[in-house]
C-alpha atoms as a PDB file:
ATOM      1  CA  MET A   1       0.000   0.000   0.000  1.00  0.00           C
ATOM      2  CA  PRO A   2       1.507   3.375  -0.973  1.00  0.00           C
ATOM      3  CA  ARG A   3       2.214   5.812   1.820  1.00  0.00           C
ATOM      4  CA  LYS A   4       0.065   8.903   2.077  1.00  0.00           C
ATOM      5  CA  LYS A   5       1.794  12.192   1.393  1.00  0.00           C
ATOM      6  CA  THR A   6       2.553  14.101   4.549  1.00  0.00           C
ATOM      7  CA  ASP A   7       3.425  17.656   5.447  1.00  0.00           C
ATOM      8  CA  ARG A   8       5.228  19.141   8.427  1.00  0.00           C
ATOM      9  CA  LEU A   9       3.611  21.383  11.054  1.00  0.00           C
ATOM     10  CA  ASN A  10       5.782  23.293  13.510  1.00  0.00           C
ATOM     11  CA  ILE A  11       4.162  24.796  16.599  1.00  0.00           C
ATOM     12  CA  THR A  12       5.278  26.708  19.648  1.00  0.00           C
ATOM     13  CA  ILE A  13       4.174  25.060  22.891  1.00  0.00           C
ATOM     14  CA  ASP A  14       4.832  25.618  26.580  1.00  0.00           C
ATOM     15  CA  GLN A  15       7.775  23.465  27.744  1.00  0.00           C
ATOM     16  CA  THR A  16       5.863  21.964  30.656  1.00  0.00           C
ATOM     17  CA  LEU A  17       2.886  21.052  28.480  1.00  0.00           C
ATOM     18  CA  LYS A  18       5.201  19.476  25.889  1.00  0.00           C
ATOM     19  CA  ARG A  19       6.938  17.375  28.559  1.00  0.00           C
ATOM     20  CA  GLN A  20       3.590  16.249  29.967  1.00  0.00           C
ATOM     21  CA  PHE A  21       2.332  15.348  26.490  1.00  0.00           C
ATOM     22  CA  ASP A  22       5.543  13.441  25.739  1.00  0.00           C
ATOM     23  CA  ALA A  23       5.348  11.535  29.037  1.00  0.00           C
ATOM     24  CA  ILE A  24       1.699  10.555  28.610  1.00  0.00           C
ATOM     25  CA  CYS A  25       2.239   9.450  25.009  1.00  0.00           C
ATOM     26  CA  ALA A  26       5.205   7.339  26.138  1.00  0.00           C
ATOM     27  CA  LEU A  27       3.168   5.740  28.935  1.00  0.00           C
ATOM     28  CA  LYS A  28       0.486   4.798  26.413  1.00  0.00           C
ATOM     29  CA  GLY A  29       3.023   3.560  23.853  1.00  0.00           C
ATOM     30  CA  LEU A  30       2.085   6.265  21.349  1.00  0.00           C
ATOM     31  CA  LYS A  31       4.166   8.608  19.242  1.00  0.00           C
ATOM     32  CA  MET A  32       3.533  12.309  19.790  1.00  0.00           C
ATOM     33  CA  SER A  33       3.174  12.817  16.032  1.00  0.00           C
ATOM     34  CA  GLU A  34       0.488  10.121  15.695  1.00  0.00           C
ATOM     35  CA  THR A  35      -1.378  11.454  18.709  1.00  0.00           C
ATOM     36  CA  THR A  36      -1.231  15.028  17.422  1.00  0.00           C
ATOM     37  CA  GLN A  37      -2.611  13.887  14.061  1.00  0.00           C
ATOM     38  CA  MET A  38      -5.437  12.050  15.833  1.00  0.00           C
ATOM     39  CA  ILE A  39      -6.308  15.158  17.880  1.00  0.00           C
ATOM     40  CA  ILE A  40      -6.234  17.443  14.823  1.00  0.00           C
ATOM     41  CA  ARG A  41      -8.294  14.955  12.772  1.00  0.00           C
ATOM     42  CA  GLN A  42     -10.930  14.785  15.526  1.00  0.00           C
ATOM     43  CA  TRP A  43     -11.026  18.593  15.844  1.00  0.00           C
ATOM     44  CA  VAL A  44     -11.423  19.032  12.076  1.00  0.00           C
ATOM     45  CA  GLU A  45     -14.255  16.470  11.939  1.00  0.00           C
ATOM     46  CA  GLU A  46     -16.058  18.112  14.867  1.00  0.00           C
ATOM     47  CA  ASN A  47     -15.626  21.718  13.695  1.00  0.00           C
ATOM     48  CA  ALA A  48     -15.893  21.619   9.902  1.00  0.00           C
ATOM     49  CA  PRO A  49     -18.959  23.350   8.477  1.00  0.00           C
ATOM     50  CA  PRO A  50     -21.424  20.970   6.784  1.00  0.00           C
ATOM     51  CA  GLY A  51     -20.258  20.004   3.304  1.00  0.00           C
ATOM     52  CA  LEU A  52     -16.700  21.308   3.673  1.00  0.00           C
ATOM     53  CA  LEU A  53     -15.103  17.896   3.999  1.00  0.00           C
ATOM     54  CA  GLY A  54     -17.388  16.165   1.507  1.00  0.00           C
ATOM     55  CA  GLU A  55     -16.904  12.408   1.427  1.00  0.00           C
ATOM     56  CA  THR A  56     -13.751  12.479   3.559  1.00  0.00           C
ATOM     57  CA  LYS A  57     -15.811  13.399   6.627  1.00  0.00           C
ATOM     58  CA  LYS A  58     -17.656  10.081   6.332  1.00  0.00           C
ATOM     59  CA  GLN A  59     -14.415   8.102   6.258  1.00  0.00           C
ATOM     60  CA  LYS A  60     -13.013   7.250   9.658  1.00  0.00           C
ATOM     61  CA  LEU A  61      -9.256   7.456   9.421  1.00  0.00           C
ATOM     62  CA  PRO A  62      -7.259   5.058  11.593  1.00  0.00           C
ATOM     63  CA  SER A  63      -6.030   6.396  14.897  1.00  0.00           C
ATOM     64  CA  PRO A  64      -3.316   5.066  17.166  1.00  0.00           C
ATOM     65  CA  THR A  65      -4.552   2.291  19.446  1.00  0.00           C
ATOM     66  CA  LYS A  66      -1.361   1.061  21.100  1.00  0.00           C
ATOM     67  CA  ASP A  67      -2.298   1.257  24.765  1.00  0.00           C
ATOM     68  CA  LYS A  68       0.226  -0.587  26.905  1.00  0.00           C
ATOM     69  CA  GLY A  69      -1.605   0.328  30.108  1.00  0.00           C
ATOM     70  CA  GLY A  70      -4.706  -1.650  29.200  1.00  0.00           C
ATOM     71  CA  GLU A  71      -7.027   1.240  30.068  1.00  0.00           C
ATOM     72  CA  GLU A  72      -7.856   4.554  28.480  1.00  0.00           C
END
């Protein structure tokens, strides 16, 4: 299966928040990049005006599910 094209997003974030995010992702066995994509995807789906996303809004894109802790 061919890889999807990607783009890079650079953000400025509080150091403490970044460390907390990194630690929680690590505890759950997730990569920060995958988790960020999941969060952005969810936000876009929840906030897009009707019709903006067309058919792509109906498609559920895969999200990271590696949870080493056994609970969410």
